[in-house]
Amino acid sequence: MRRLFILAALALRCAAQFAPPPQAKSPDEFDSYLDVLDAPTPTAVIPAAETFLRSWPASGLRGHVYEREFEAYRRLGDSVRAIEAGESSLAAAPDNLLMLANLSVVLANGTSDPSRLARSGEYARKAIALSKSIRLPRSISPSEWTQIEARVNSQAHSALGLVANQRGDVTGAIREFETAISLGPEPDATQYLRLGMLYRATGNLNGAREKLERAAKSDEPAIRELATRELARIGQR
């Protein structure tokens, strides 16, 4: 049962790499990898991942382990280590669409560093390009791929919006976030918040209010608080 689970979990990532799922070379390696997947919390993922990487440094599964570590660090708010893990994942599996898109957002978020912005844009554009040329494996149905492609492209355009904004291109940032929202398979409160703030900065108060009201309905307290604060600023005008 666990082996069937791991093959299903790998299918999504490996679809973007135009290759079959990598295989563990021994039962011990496989069990160590399952320990990473089964870790119940982000703080539990990290030591399990580090144990795997020390024990199996040449494993074909290391790209997926680094990806799991990236997700753990991101949830813990440690962007520096998340970026390190994400780029290690891409070094092992350069065409992982989800990793490219997700890392592009983390790289561009809250920084003006030219190197990080350049890498963010590079990964985002690569994700968009690969999503248009991918050959789907039989393990992913066309309907499943529609959802995956939409999520990847939404995240990639969101990253490009962050890059444009940090470079002072507000018009380009608005265009990218509008595209991100239009492509997303489900509402993304962060995208609504960022677009609402961009609209407000350019004087589009009606557009800003509409997007910020969407963001204010988020389940995430931090997003709700920021959106509510921005709405209050609009109300004072």
Protein backbone atom coordinates (compact mmCIF):
# COMPACT_ATOMS: atom_id res chain seq x y z
CA MET A 1 0.00 0.00 0.00
CA ARG A 2 2.77 2.44 0.89
CA ARG A 3 4.54 1.69 -2.39
CA LEU A 4 1.39 2.46 -4.35
CA PHE A 5 1.04 5.72 -2.44
CA ILE A 6 4.57 6.83 -3.23
CA LEU A 7 4.22 6.10 -6.94
CA ALA A 8 1.06 8.21 -7.05
CA ALA A 9 2.76 11.03 -5.15
CA LEU A 10 5.68 11.06 -7.59
CA ALA A 11 3.56 11.07 -10.73
CA LEU A 12 2.66 14.73 -10.54
CA ARG A 13 6.26 15.88 -10.17
CA CYS A 14 7.71 13.53 -12.72
CA ALA A 15 5.17 14.48 -15.37
CA ALA A 16 6.98 17.80 -15.69
CA GLN A 17 10.31 16.05 -16.10
CA PHE A 18 9.37 13.92 -19.13
CA ALA A 19 10.58 10.82 -17.30
CA PRO A 20 9.22 7.88 -15.29
CA PRO A 21 9.16 8.26 -11.52
CA PRO A 22 12.62 7.62 -10.02
CA GLN A 23 12.93 4.42 -8.07
CA ALA A 24 14.62 3.68 -4.75
CA LYS A 25 17.51 1.26 -5.12
CA SER A 26 16.83 -0.58 -1.89
CA PRO A 27 14.01 -1.12 0.60
CA ASP A 28 15.93 0.90 3.19
CA GLU A 29 16.20 3.88 0.85
CA PHE A 30 12.51 3.61 0.06
CA ASP A 31 11.54 3.45 3.73
CA SER A 32 13.72 6.46 4.48
CA TYR A 33 11.96 8.39 1.73
CA LEU A 34 8.57 7.40 3.11
CA ASP A 35 9.67 8.77 6.47
CA VAL A 36 10.02 12.17 4.77
CA LEU A 37 6.59 11.95 3.18
CA ASP A 38 4.95 10.69 6.37
CA ALA A 39 6.40 13.44 8.59
CA PRO A 40 3.29 15.10 10.09
CA THR A 41 4.56 18.66 10.51
CA PRO A 42 7.06 21.01 8.83
CA THR A 43 9.38 20.74 11.83
CA ALA A 44 9.30 16.95 11.49
CA VAL A 45 9.93 17.03 7.72
CA ILE A 46 13.26 18.82 8.00
CA PRO A 47 15.20 16.28 10.12
CA ALA A 48 13.68 13.40 8.16
CA ALA A 49 14.78 15.04 4.91
CA GLU A 50 18.28 15.74 6.22
CA THR A 51 18.62 12.14 7.38
CA PHE A 52 17.60 10.90 3.94
CA LEU A 53 19.99 13.25 2.12
CA ARG A 54 22.93 12.23 4.32
CA SER A 55 22.15 8.54 3.95
CA TRP A 56 21.40 8.53 0.21
CA PRO A 57 23.35 11.43 -1.40
CA ALA A 58 23.12 9.95 -4.90
CA SER A 59 19.46 8.94 -4.74
CA GLY A 60 17.20 9.66 -7.68
CA LEU A 61 14.61 10.72 -5.11
CA ARG A 62 16.66 13.57 -3.66
CA GLY A 63 14.91 16.18 -5.86
CA HIS A 64 11.59 15.25 -4.27
CA VAL A 65 13.10 15.26 -0.80
CA TYR A 66 14.48 18.76 -1.34
CA GLU A 67 11.05 19.81 -2.61
CA ARG A 68 9.41 18.53 0.56
CA GLU A 69 12.04 20.40 2.58
CA PHE A 70 11.36 23.56 0.57
CA GLU A 71 7.66 23.34 1.41
CA ALA A 72 8.45 22.81 5.10
CA TYR A 73 10.76 25.82 5.32
CA ARG A 74 8.26 27.96 3.43
CA ARG A 75 5.50 27.06 5.87
CA LEU A 76 7.84 27.92 8.74
CA GLY A 77 8.55 31.33 7.21
CA ASP A 78 12.26 30.65 6.59
CA SER A 79 12.64 31.96 3.05
CA VAL A 80 16.45 31.70 3.01
CA ARG A 81 16.49 27.97 3.70
CA ALA A 82 13.42 27.46 1.51
CA ILE A 83 15.30 28.99 -1.41
CA GLU A 84 18.34 26.83 -0.72
CA ALA A 85 16.20 23.69 -0.67
CA GLY A 86 14.24 24.76 -3.75
CA GLU A 87 17.33 25.41 -5.83
CA SER A 88 18.82 22.09 -4.68
CA SER A 89 15.60 20.43 -5.84
CA LEU A 90 15.90 22.07 -9.25
CA ALA A 91 19.56 21.07 -9.50
CA ALA A 92 18.40 17.46 -9.15
CA ALA A 93 15.24 17.82 -11.31
CA PRO A 94 15.50 20.98 -13.47
CA ASP A 95 12.11 20.62 -15.18
CA ASN A 96 9.90 20.22 -12.12
CA LEU A 97 7.07 22.60 -13.04
CA LEU A 98 5.62 22.98 -9.56
CA MET A 99 9.02 23.64 -8.05
CA LEU A 100 9.85 26.23 -10.71
CA ALA A 101 6.60 28.09 -10.15
CA ASN A 102 6.60 27.95 -6.35
CA LEU A 103 10.26 28.88 -5.99
CA SER A 104 9.84 31.81 -8.37
CA VAL A 105 7.29 33.34 -5.98
CA VAL A 106 9.45 32.84 -2.87
CA LEU A 107 12.48 34.35 -4.59
CA ALA A 108 10.64 37.52 -5.60
CA ASN A 109 8.70 38.03 -2.39
CA GLY A 110 9.91 40.89 -0.20
CA THR A 111 13.24 41.54 -1.89
CA SER A 112 14.87 44.06 -4.19
CA ASP A 113 17.99 41.93 -4.64
CA PRO A 114 18.75 41.92 -8.41
CA SER A 115 20.06 38.35 -8.37
CA ARG A 116 16.98 36.95 -6.66
CA LEU A 117 14.65 38.90 -8.94
CA ALA A 118 16.51 37.67 -12.02
CA ARG A 119 16.33 34.04 -10.88
CA SER A 120 12.65 34.44 -10.05
CA GLY A 121 11.87 35.72 -13.52
CA GLU A 122 13.95 32.98 -15.11
CA TYR A 123 12.18 30.20 -13.21
CA ALA A 124 8.72 31.70 -13.81
CA ARG A 125 9.26 32.03 -17.55
CA LYS A 126 10.67 28.51 -17.74
CA ALA A 127 7.61 27.13 -15.94
CA ILE A 128 5.28 28.89 -18.37
CA ALA A 129 7.24 27.67 -21.40
CA LEU A 130 7.45 24.07 -20.18
CA SER A 131 3.74 23.97 -19.40
CA LYS A 132 3.02 24.63 -23.07
CA SER A 133 5.30 21.88 -24.40
CA ILE A 134 4.82 19.08 -21.88
CA ARG A 135 3.86 15.61 -23.04
CA LEU A 136 1.54 14.17 -20.46
CA PRO A 137 2.18 10.70 -19.04
CA ARG A 138 -0.74 8.30 -18.84
CA SER A 139 -0.84 8.71 -15.06
CA ILE A 140 -2.29 12.24 -15.42
CA SER A 141 -5.65 12.76 -17.12
CA PRO A 142 -6.35 15.81 -19.30
CA SER A 143 -8.75 17.18 -16.68
CA GLU A 144 -6.12 16.83 -13.94
CA TRP A 145 -3.56 18.53 -16.16
CA THR A 146 -5.90 21.46 -16.77
CA GLN A 147 -5.89 22.15 -13.03
CA ILE A 148 -2.13 21.67 -12.69
CA GLU A 149 -1.34 23.89 -15.67
CA ALA A 150 -3.63 26.64 -14.40
CA ARG A 151 -2.01 26.59 -10.94
CA VAL A 152 1.53 26.59 -12.35
CA ASN A 153 0.86 29.47 -14.71
CA SER A 154 -1.01 31.47 -12.08
CA GLN A 155 1.92 31.16 -9.67
CA ALA A 156 4.46 31.99 -12.39
CA HIS A 157 2.61 35.14 -13.45
CA SER A 158 2.28 36.13 -9.79
CA ALA A 159 6.06 35.88 -9.47
CA LEU A 160 6.52 37.99 -12.60
CA GLY A 161 4.16 40.55 -11.06
CA LEU A 162 6.32 40.70 -7.94
CA VAL A 163 9.46 41.10 -10.04
CA ALA A 164 7.91 43.89 -12.12
CA ASN A 165 6.72 45.72 -9.02
CA GLN A 166 10.12 45.53 -7.34
CA ARG A 167 11.67 46.96 -10.50
CA GLY A 168 9.26 49.89 -10.48
CA ASP A 169 7.13 48.68 -13.39
CA VAL A 170 3.70 49.11 -11.79
CA THR A 171 1.82 48.74 -15.08
CA GLY A 172 3.60 45.47 -15.80
CA ALA A 173 2.95 44.26 -12.26
CA ILE A 174 -0.77 44.96 -12.58
CA ARG A 175 -0.89 43.12 -15.88
CA GLU A 176 0.86 40.06 -14.43
CA PHE A 177 -1.35 39.89 -11.34
CA GLU A 178 -4.49 40.28 -13.44
CA THR A 179 -3.26 37.35 -15.53
CA ALA A 180 -2.42 35.32 -12.42
CA ILE A 181 -5.91 35.80 -11.00
CA SER A 182 -7.59 35.01 -14.31
CA LEU A 183 -5.65 31.73 -14.61
CA GLY A 184 -5.93 30.51 -11.04
CA PRO A 185 -8.07 27.39 -10.56
CA GLU A 186 -9.26 28.80 -7.22
CA PRO A 187 -9.12 32.27 -5.62
CA ASP A 188 -5.74 33.25 -4.19
CA ALA A 189 -6.16 35.85 -1.45
CA THR A 190 -2.54 36.95 -1.66
CA GLN A 191 -2.91 37.74 -5.35
CA TYR A 192 -6.10 39.73 -4.68
CA LEU A 193 -4.33 41.65 -1.92
CA ARG A 194 -1.35 42.54 -4.07
CA LEU A 195 -3.48 43.59 -7.03
CA GLY A 196 -5.74 45.64 -4.78
CA MET A 197 -2.74 47.48 -3.37
CA LEU A 198 -1.42 48.14 -6.89
CA TYR A 199 -4.80 49.47 -7.98
CA ARG A 200 -4.91 51.76 -4.96
CA ALA A 201 -1.41 53.06 -5.71
CA THR A 202 -2.47 54.01 -9.24
CA GLY A 203 -5.72 55.65 -8.16
CA ASN A 204 -8.08 52.88 -9.29
CA LEU A 205 -10.02 52.94 -6.03
CA ASN A 206 -13.05 51.01 -7.25
CA GLY A 207 -10.83 48.20 -8.54
CA ALA A 208 -8.77 48.30 -5.36
CA ARG A 209 -11.85 48.05 -3.15
CA GLU A 210 -13.21 45.07 -5.07
CA LYS A 211 -9.95 43.10 -4.90
CA LEU A 212 -9.25 43.98 -1.29
CA GLU A 213 -12.74 42.92 -0.24
CA ARG A 214 -12.01 39.53 -1.80
CA ALA A 215 -8.71 39.35 0.09
CA ALA A 216 -10.42 40.35 3.35
CA LYS A 217 -12.45 37.12 3.20
CA SER A 218 -9.28 35.03 3.40
CA ASP A 219 -8.91 32.30 5.99
CA GLU A 220 -5.38 33.59 6.69
CA PRO A 221 -5.40 36.15 9.51
CA ALA A 222 -2.38 38.07 8.19
CA ILE A 223 -3.95 38.52 4.74
CA ARG A 224 -7.28 39.50 6.29
CA GLU A 225 -5.62 42.09 8.50
CA LEU A 226 -3.62 43.66 5.66
CA ALA A 227 -6.65 43.78 3.36
CA THR A 228 -8.81 45.34 6.07
CA ARG A 229 -6.15 47.95 6.75
CA GLU A 230 -5.91 48.84 3.06
CA LEU A 231 -9.69 49.10 2.81
CA ALA A 232 -9.68 51.50 5.73
CA ARG A 233 -7.12 53.66 3.96
CA ILE A 234 -9.34 53.82 0.91
CA GLY A 235 -12.30 54.76 3.10
CA GLN A 236 -10.41 57.73 4.50
CA ARG A 237 -10.07 59.33 1.10
